[in-house]
Amino acid sequence: MRILILISLAAVLVACETPPKQQAIIGVWESDADRTLQSMEAAENIPPEVQVFLSDDFYGHLTVEYRTDTVRAFFDNQDYDTGYQPYEVVSVEGDVIVTREWNELREVFEQSTTYLDDACIYGINPEYGFREYFCSVE
């Protein structure tokens, strides 16, 4: 019985080391094509040729996995996997989490903003302003 209590206490202490809002992004997230495309269609400044390109099976294939201090991104339809890269939480305000993470393609650290939305998270497309949604798969 003592061992069970100690194991439970250890699990609570480990969970307490990660701030609650940061814990909200820890997990596996899969691109939600339907919600992303709905947001994209509501945006008014996307050129028609870009909208056609992005609507043609572009979304729904990216998976992002956040761990406590590493993040990984990979596609289910391409041979692309970042492997686990370091990231850190810069700030947490309400349902907004700002992280700093390694961009393998550009070979620099970049800051990104993630918004919590029930069982999903989203980021804002910097060029056109629509939301790209990812929903939990765990």
N, C-alpha and C. Protein backbone atom coordinates (compact mmCIF):
# COMPACT_ATOMS: atom_id res chain seq x y z
N MET A 1 0.82 -1.19 0.00
CA MET A 1 0.00 0.00 0.00
C MET A 1 0.86 1.26 0.00
N ARG A 2 1.95 1.26 0.80
CA ARG A 2 2.84 2.41 0.84
C ARG A 2 3.44 2.70 -0.53
N ILE A 3 3.81 1.65 -1.24
CA ILE A 3 4.42 1.83 -2.56
C ILE A 3 3.41 2.48 -3.51
N LEU A 4 2.16 2.06 -3.46
CA LEU A 4 1.13 2.64 -4.31
C LEU A 4 0.95 4.12 -4.00
N ILE A 5 0.97 4.48 -2.73
CA ILE A 5 0.84 5.89 -2.34
C ILE A 5 2.05 6.68 -2.82
N LEU A 6 3.27 6.13 -2.69
CA LEU A 6 4.46 6.82 -3.15
C LEU A 6 4.47 7.01 -4.67
N ILE A 7 4.03 6.00 -5.39
CA ILE A 7 3.96 6.11 -6.85
C ILE A 7 2.95 7.18 -7.24
N SER A 8 1.79 7.19 -6.58
CA SER A 8 0.78 8.20 -6.87
C SER A 8 1.29 9.60 -6.56
N LEU A 9 1.98 9.76 -5.43
CA LEU A 9 2.54 11.05 -5.06
C LEU A 9 3.60 11.49 -6.06
N ALA A 10 4.43 10.58 -6.51
CA ALA A 10 5.45 10.91 -7.51
C ALA A 10 4.81 11.38 -8.81
N ALA A 11 3.74 10.71 -9.22
CA ALA A 11 3.04 11.11 -10.45
C ALA A 11 2.47 12.51 -10.32
N VAL A 12 1.92 12.84 -9.17
CA VAL A 12 1.38 14.17 -8.95
C VAL A 12 2.50 15.21 -8.98
N LEU A 13 3.62 14.91 -8.35
CA LEU A 13 4.73 15.85 -8.33
C LEU A 13 5.29 16.09 -9.72
N VAL A 14 5.39 15.05 -10.53
CA VAL A 14 5.86 15.22 -11.91
C VAL A 14 4.89 16.09 -12.68
N ALA A 15 3.60 15.85 -12.52
CA ALA A 15 2.60 16.66 -13.21
C ALA A 15 2.66 18.11 -12.76
N CYS A 16 2.99 18.35 -11.50
CA CYS A 16 3.06 19.71 -10.98
C CYS A 16 4.26 20.48 -11.54
N GLU A 17 5.29 19.79 -12.02
CA GLU A 17 6.45 20.47 -12.58
C GLU A 17 6.12 21.18 -13.88
N THR A 18 5.10 20.71 -14.60
CA THR A 18 4.70 21.31 -15.86
C THR A 18 3.49 22.21 -15.58
N PRO A 19 3.57 23.50 -15.91
CA PRO A 19 2.43 24.39 -15.67
C PRO A 19 1.16 23.85 -16.33
N PRO A 20 -0.01 24.03 -15.69
CA PRO A 20 -1.27 23.45 -16.20
C PRO A 20 -1.58 23.81 -17.65
N LYS A 21 -1.40 25.05 -18.04
CA LYS A 21 -1.72 25.42 -19.42
C LYS A 21 -0.74 24.79 -20.41
N GLN A 22 0.54 24.63 -19.99
CA GLN A 22 1.49 23.94 -20.87
C GLN A 22 1.06 22.49 -21.01
N GLN A 23 0.57 21.89 -19.93
CA GLN A 23 0.10 20.51 -20.01
C GLN A 23 -0.99 20.36 -21.06
N ALA A 24 -1.74 21.44 -21.30
CA ALA A 24 -2.84 21.37 -22.26
C ALA A 24 -2.36 21.09 -23.67
N ILE A 25 -1.13 21.45 -24.03
CA ILE A 25 -0.65 21.16 -25.40
C ILE A 25 0.12 19.86 -25.48
N ILE A 26 0.47 19.27 -24.34
CA ILE A 26 1.21 18.03 -24.37
C ILE A 26 0.30 16.91 -24.87
N GLY A 27 0.75 16.22 -25.90
CA GLY A 27 -0.04 15.14 -26.48
C GLY A 27 0.18 15.09 -27.98
N VAL A 28 -0.64 14.30 -28.64
CA VAL A 28 -0.55 14.11 -30.09
C VAL A 28 -1.74 14.81 -30.74
N TRP A 29 -1.45 15.66 -31.72
CA TRP A 29 -2.46 16.47 -32.39
C TRP A 29 -2.41 16.22 -33.89
N GLU A 30 -3.57 15.98 -34.47
CA GLU A 30 -3.66 15.71 -35.91
C GLU A 30 -4.39 16.85 -36.60
N SER A 31 -3.88 17.27 -37.74
CA SER A 31 -4.50 18.34 -38.50
C SER A 31 -5.96 18.02 -38.78
N ASP A 32 -6.84 18.99 -38.52
CA ASP A 32 -8.28 18.83 -38.76
C ASP A 32 -8.61 19.59 -40.05
N ALA A 33 -8.68 18.86 -41.14
CA ALA A 33 -8.89 19.48 -42.45
C ALA A 33 -10.23 20.20 -42.52
N ASP A 34 -11.30 19.61 -42.00
CA ASP A 34 -12.63 20.21 -42.11
C ASP A 34 -12.69 21.57 -41.42
N ARG A 35 -12.24 21.64 -40.17
CA ARG A 35 -12.30 22.91 -39.44
C ARG A 35 -11.35 23.94 -40.06
N THR A 36 -10.18 23.49 -40.52
CA THR A 36 -9.23 24.41 -41.13
C THR A 36 -9.81 24.98 -42.43
N LEU A 37 -10.40 24.13 -43.25
CA LEU A 37 -10.96 24.60 -44.52
C LEU A 37 -12.14 25.54 -44.30
N GLN A 38 -12.95 25.29 -43.26
CA GLN A 38 -14.05 26.21 -42.94
C GLN A 38 -13.49 27.59 -42.59
N SER A 39 -12.43 27.61 -41.80
CA SER A 39 -11.81 28.88 -41.44
C SER A 39 -11.20 29.55 -42.66
N MET A 40 -10.57 28.76 -43.52
CA MET A 40 -9.94 29.30 -44.72
C MET A 40 -11.00 29.90 -45.66
N GLU A 41 -12.13 29.23 -45.80
CA GLU A 41 -13.18 29.73 -46.70
C GLU A 41 -13.77 31.05 -46.20
N ALA A 42 -13.72 31.28 -44.89
CA ALA A 42 -14.24 32.53 -44.33
C ALA A 42 -13.25 33.69 -44.52
N ALA A 43 -12.00 33.39 -44.78
CA ALA A 43 -11.00 34.45 -45.00
C ALA A 43 -11.25 35.08 -46.36
N GLU A 44 -11.09 36.39 -46.42
CA GLU A 44 -11.44 37.10 -47.65
C GLU A 44 -10.25 37.43 -48.55
N ASN A 45 -9.04 37.28 -48.06
CA ASN A 45 -7.89 37.76 -48.83
C ASN A 45 -7.05 36.67 -49.47
N ILE A 46 -7.59 35.46 -49.59
CA ILE A 46 -6.81 34.37 -50.17
C ILE A 46 -7.05 34.33 -51.68
N PRO A 47 -6.00 34.42 -52.47
CA PRO A 47 -6.18 34.33 -53.93
C PRO A 47 -6.83 33.00 -54.32
N PRO A 48 -7.68 33.01 -55.32
CA PRO A 48 -8.39 31.79 -55.73
C PRO A 48 -7.47 30.60 -56.01
N GLU A 49 -6.33 30.84 -56.66
CA GLU A 49 -5.43 29.73 -56.98
C GLU A 49 -4.81 29.12 -55.72
N VAL A 50 -4.57 29.95 -54.71
CA VAL A 50 -4.04 29.45 -53.43
C VAL A 50 -5.13 28.66 -52.72
N GLN A 51 -6.35 29.17 -52.72
CA GLN A 51 -7.46 28.47 -52.08
C GLN A 51 -7.69 27.10 -52.73
N VAL A 52 -7.63 27.03 -54.05
CA VAL A 52 -7.80 25.75 -54.74
C VAL A 52 -6.69 24.78 -54.34
N PHE A 53 -5.45 25.26 -54.32
CA PHE A 53 -4.32 24.42 -53.94
C PHE A 53 -4.47 23.88 -52.51
N LEU A 54 -4.78 24.77 -51.57
CA LEU A 54 -4.89 24.36 -50.17
C LEU A 54 -6.11 23.47 -49.91
N SER A 55 -7.13 23.59 -50.74
CA SER A 55 -8.35 22.78 -50.56
C SER A 55 -8.20 21.37 -51.11
N ASP A 56 -7.16 21.12 -51.90
CA ASP A 56 -6.99 19.83 -52.57
C ASP A 56 -6.12 18.89 -51.74
N ASP A 57 -6.67 18.35 -50.66
CA ASP A 57 -6.00 17.33 -49.83
C ASP A 57 -4.70 17.82 -49.21
N PHE A 58 -4.61 19.14 -48.95
CA PHE A 58 -3.40 19.69 -48.33
C PHE A 58 -3.43 19.49 -46.83
N TYR A 59 -4.57 19.77 -46.19
CA TYR A 59 -4.70 19.65 -44.74
C TYR A 59 -5.19 18.26 -44.34
N GLY A 60 -4.98 17.92 -43.08
CA GLY A 60 -5.43 16.63 -42.56
C GLY A 60 -4.33 15.58 -42.51
N HIS A 61 -3.11 15.94 -42.87
CA HIS A 61 -2.03 14.96 -42.93
C HIS A 61 -0.90 15.21 -41.93
N LEU A 62 -0.86 16.38 -41.35
CA LEU A 62 0.22 16.72 -40.43
C LEU A 62 -0.16 16.32 -39.01
N THR A 63 0.75 15.66 -38.33
CA THR A 63 0.59 15.31 -36.92
C THR A 63 1.70 15.99 -36.14
N VAL A 64 1.34 16.57 -35.00
CA VAL A 64 2.30 17.24 -34.13
C VAL A 64 2.21 16.59 -32.76
N GLU A 65 3.37 16.24 -32.21
CA GLU A 65 3.41 15.63 -30.87
C GLU A 65 4.24 16.51 -29.95
N TYR A 66 3.58 17.06 -28.93
CA TYR A 66 4.28 17.84 -27.91
C TYR A 66 4.55 16.95 -26.71
N ARG A 67 5.79 16.94 -26.28
CA ARG A 67 6.18 16.34 -25.00
C ARG A 67 6.52 17.51 -24.07
N THR A 68 7.00 17.23 -22.89
CA THR A 68 7.28 18.30 -21.94
C THR A 68 8.27 19.32 -22.47
N ASP A 69 9.32 18.87 -23.17
CA ASP A 69 10.32 19.82 -23.66
C ASP A 69 10.76 19.56 -25.10
N THR A 70 10.08 18.67 -25.80
CA THR A 70 10.36 18.42 -27.21
C THR A 70 9.07 18.36 -28.00
N VAL A 71 9.17 18.65 -29.29
CA VAL A 71 8.03 18.60 -30.19
C VAL A 71 8.47 17.93 -31.48
N ARG A 72 7.56 17.18 -32.08
CA ARG A 72 7.83 16.46 -33.32
C ARG A 72 6.68 16.70 -34.28
N ALA A 73 6.98 16.87 -35.57
CA ALA A 73 5.95 17.03 -36.59
C ALA A 73 6.25 16.06 -37.73
N PHE A 74 5.19 15.42 -38.24
CA PHE A 74 5.36 14.51 -39.37
C PHE A 74 4.07 14.42 -40.17
N PHE A 75 4.22 14.08 -41.45
CA PHE A 75 3.07 13.93 -42.35
C PHE A 75 2.80 12.45 -42.57
N ASP A 76 1.52 12.10 -42.73
CA ASP A 76 1.18 10.71 -43.01
C ASP A 76 1.21 10.41 -44.51
N ASN A 77 1.39 11.43 -45.34
CA ASN A 77 1.39 11.22 -46.78
C ASN A 77 2.70 11.68 -47.45
N GLN A 78 3.72 11.97 -46.65
CA GLN A 78 5.02 12.39 -47.18
C GLN A 78 6.12 11.79 -46.31
N ASP A 79 7.30 11.75 -46.86
CA ASP A 79 8.45 11.27 -46.11
C ASP A 79 9.09 12.45 -45.40
N TYR A 80 8.39 12.97 -44.40
CA TYR A 80 8.89 14.12 -43.64
C TYR A 80 8.61 13.90 -42.16
N ASP A 81 9.65 13.98 -41.36
CA ASP A 81 9.54 13.84 -39.91
C ASP A 81 10.66 14.68 -39.30
N THR A 82 10.30 15.65 -38.48
CA THR A 82 11.30 16.53 -37.88
C THR A 82 12.12 15.82 -36.81
N GLY A 83 11.62 14.68 -36.32
CA GLY A 83 12.23 14.10 -35.14
C GLY A 83 11.89 15.00 -33.96
N TYR A 84 12.31 14.63 -32.78
CA TYR A 84 11.99 15.41 -31.59
C TYR A 84 12.96 16.59 -31.47
N GLN A 85 12.41 17.79 -31.52
CA GLN A 85 13.18 19.02 -31.45
C GLN A 85 12.85 19.75 -30.14
N PRO A 86 13.80 20.47 -29.58
CA PRO A 86 13.53 21.19 -28.33
C PRO A 86 12.54 22.34 -28.54
N TYR A 87 11.75 22.62 -27.53
CA TYR A 87 10.91 23.81 -27.51
C TYR A 87 10.79 24.26 -26.07
N GLU A 88 10.40 25.51 -25.89
CA GLU A 88 10.15 26.02 -24.55
C GLU A 88 8.94 26.92 -24.57
N VAL A 89 8.25 26.97 -23.45
CA VAL A 89 7.10 27.86 -23.33
C VAL A 89 7.62 29.24 -22.96
N VAL A 90 7.26 30.22 -23.76
CA VAL A 90 7.68 31.60 -23.53
C VAL A 90 6.68 32.30 -22.61
N SER A 91 5.38 32.08 -22.89
CA SER A 91 4.35 32.70 -22.05
C SER A 91 3.04 31.92 -22.17
N VAL A 92 2.23 32.06 -21.13
CA VAL A 92 0.89 31.48 -21.10
C VAL A 92 -0.04 32.57 -20.56
N GLU A 93 -1.01 32.96 -21.38
CA GLU A 93 -1.99 33.95 -20.96
C GLU A 93 -3.36 33.47 -21.39
N GLY A 94 -4.18 33.09 -20.42
CA GLY A 94 -5.51 32.56 -20.74
C GLY A 94 -5.37 31.30 -21.56
N ASP A 95 -6.00 31.28 -22.72
CA ASP A 95 -5.96 30.11 -23.61
C ASP A 95 -4.93 30.27 -24.73
N VAL A 96 -3.92 31.10 -24.50
CA VAL A 96 -2.91 31.35 -25.51
C VAL A 96 -1.54 30.95 -24.96
N ILE A 97 -0.87 30.07 -25.70
CA ILE A 97 0.46 29.61 -25.30
C ILE A 97 1.45 30.00 -26.39
N VAL A 98 2.48 30.74 -26.00
CA VAL A 98 3.53 31.13 -26.94
C VAL A 98 4.74 30.23 -26.66
N THR A 99 5.23 29.59 -27.71
CA THR A 99 6.39 28.70 -27.58
C THR A 99 7.51 29.18 -28.49
N ARG A 100 8.69 28.73 -28.18
CA ARG A 100 9.87 28.97 -29.01
C ARG A 100 10.38 27.60 -29.38
N GLU A 101 10.48 27.33 -30.68
CA GLU A 101 10.86 25.98 -31.12
C GLU A 101 11.77 26.04 -32.34
N TRP A 102 12.47 24.96 -32.55
CA TRP A 102 13.41 24.84 -33.66
C TRP A 102 12.67 24.61 -34.96
N ASN A 103 12.98 25.41 -35.98
CA ASN A 103 12.46 25.20 -37.32
C ASN A 103 13.56 24.54 -38.13
N GLU A 104 13.37 23.26 -38.39
CA GLU A 104 14.40 22.48 -39.07
C GLU A 104 14.66 22.96 -40.49
N LEU A 105 13.62 23.38 -41.19
CA LEU A 105 13.78 23.83 -42.57
C LEU A 105 14.58 25.12 -42.66
N ARG A 106 14.31 26.05 -41.76
CA ARG A 106 15.01 27.34 -41.77
C ARG A 106 16.26 27.35 -40.89
N GLU A 107 16.39 26.32 -40.07
CA GLU A 107 17.51 26.16 -39.14
C GLU A 107 17.65 27.35 -38.19
N VAL A 108 16.51 27.74 -37.60
CA VAL A 108 16.48 28.82 -36.61
C VAL A 108 15.40 28.51 -35.58
N PHE A 109 15.51 29.13 -34.41
CA PHE A 109 14.43 29.06 -33.43
C PHE A 109 13.39 30.10 -33.82
N GLU A 110 12.11 29.72 -33.74
CA GLU A 110 11.01 30.62 -34.05
C GLU A 110 10.00 30.60 -32.92
N GLN A 111 9.31 31.69 -32.79
CA GLN A 111 8.25 31.78 -31.80
C GLN A 111 6.94 31.48 -32.50
N SER A 112 6.07 30.70 -31.86
CA SER A 112 4.76 30.45 -32.42
C SER A 112 3.71 30.56 -31.33
N THR A 113 2.50 30.88 -31.75
CA THR A 113 1.39 31.05 -30.82
C THR A 113 0.37 29.96 -31.06
N THR A 114 -0.01 29.28 -29.99
CA THR A 114 -1.01 28.21 -30.06
C THR A 114 -2.19 28.62 -29.20
N TYR A 115 -3.38 28.47 -29.76
CA TYR A 115 -4.62 28.81 -29.06
C TYR A 115 -5.33 27.53 -28.67
N LEU A 116 -5.79 27.45 -27.42
CA LEU A 116 -6.54 26.29 -26.94
C LEU A 116 -8.00 26.47 -27.31
N ASP A 117 -8.63 25.41 -27.83
CA ASP A 117 -10.02 25.47 -28.27
C ASP A 117 -10.68 24.13 -28.00
N ASP A 118 -11.20 23.95 -26.78
CA ASP A 118 -11.79 22.69 -26.34
C ASP A 118 -10.81 21.54 -26.53
N ALA A 119 -11.16 20.53 -27.33
CA ALA A 119 -10.28 19.37 -27.53
C ALA A 119 -9.32 19.59 -28.69
N CYS A 120 -9.23 20.82 -29.16
CA CYS A 120 -8.36 21.14 -30.29
C CYS A 120 -7.45 22.31 -29.92
N ILE A 121 -6.46 22.52 -30.77
CA ILE A 121 -5.60 23.70 -30.69
C ILE A 121 -5.55 24.27 -32.11
N TYR A 122 -5.17 25.53 -32.23
CA TYR A 122 -5.00 26.06 -33.57
C TYR A 122 -3.93 27.15 -33.56
N GLY A 123 -3.39 27.38 -34.75
CA GLY A 123 -2.48 28.48 -35.00
C GLY A 123 -3.08 29.33 -36.09
N ILE A 124 -2.63 30.56 -36.19
CA ILE A 124 -3.13 31.48 -37.21
C ILE A 124 -2.15 31.50 -38.38
N ASN A 125 -2.66 31.27 -39.59
CA ASN A 125 -1.82 31.36 -40.78
C ASN A 125 -1.32 32.80 -40.90
N PRO A 126 0.01 32.99 -40.90
CA PRO A 126 0.54 34.36 -40.87
C PRO A 126 0.26 35.17 -42.13
N GLU A 127 0.09 34.51 -43.25
CA GLU A 127 -0.11 35.24 -44.50
C GLU A 127 -1.57 35.60 -44.75
N TYR A 128 -2.49 34.68 -44.41
CA TYR A 128 -3.89 34.89 -44.76
C TYR A 128 -4.82 35.00 -43.56
N GLY A 129 -4.34 34.72 -42.36
CA GLY A 129 -5.12 34.96 -41.15
C GLY A 129 -6.16 33.92 -40.78
N PHE A 130 -6.23 32.80 -41.48
CA PHE A 130 -7.20 31.78 -41.08
C PHE A 130 -6.59 30.84 -40.05
N ARG A 131 -7.43 30.08 -39.38
CA ARG A 131 -6.99 29.16 -38.34
C ARG A 131 -6.67 27.78 -38.91
N GLU A 132 -5.53 27.23 -38.50
CA GLU A 132 -5.20 25.85 -38.84
C GLU A 132 -5.40 25.02 -37.57
N TYR A 133 -6.38 24.14 -37.60
CA TYR A 133 -6.78 23.37 -36.44
C TYR A 133 -6.06 22.03 -36.35
N PHE A 134 -5.77 21.63 -35.12
CA PHE A 134 -5.26 20.31 -34.80
C PHE A 134 -6.07 19.79 -33.62
N CYS A 135 -6.54 18.55 -33.73
CA CYS A 135 -7.34 17.98 -32.65
C CYS A 135 -6.62 16.78 -32.04
N SER A 136 -6.87 16.58 -30.76
CA SER A 136 -6.20 15.53 -30.01
C SER A 136 -6.56 14.15 -30.53
N VAL A 137 -5.56 13.29 -30.63
CA VAL A 137 -5.82 11.92 -31.05
C VAL A 137 -5.60 10.95 -29.89
N GLU A 138 -5.33 11.47 -28.71
CA GLU A 138 -5.16 10.60 -27.54
C GLU A 138 -6.17 10.93 -26.49
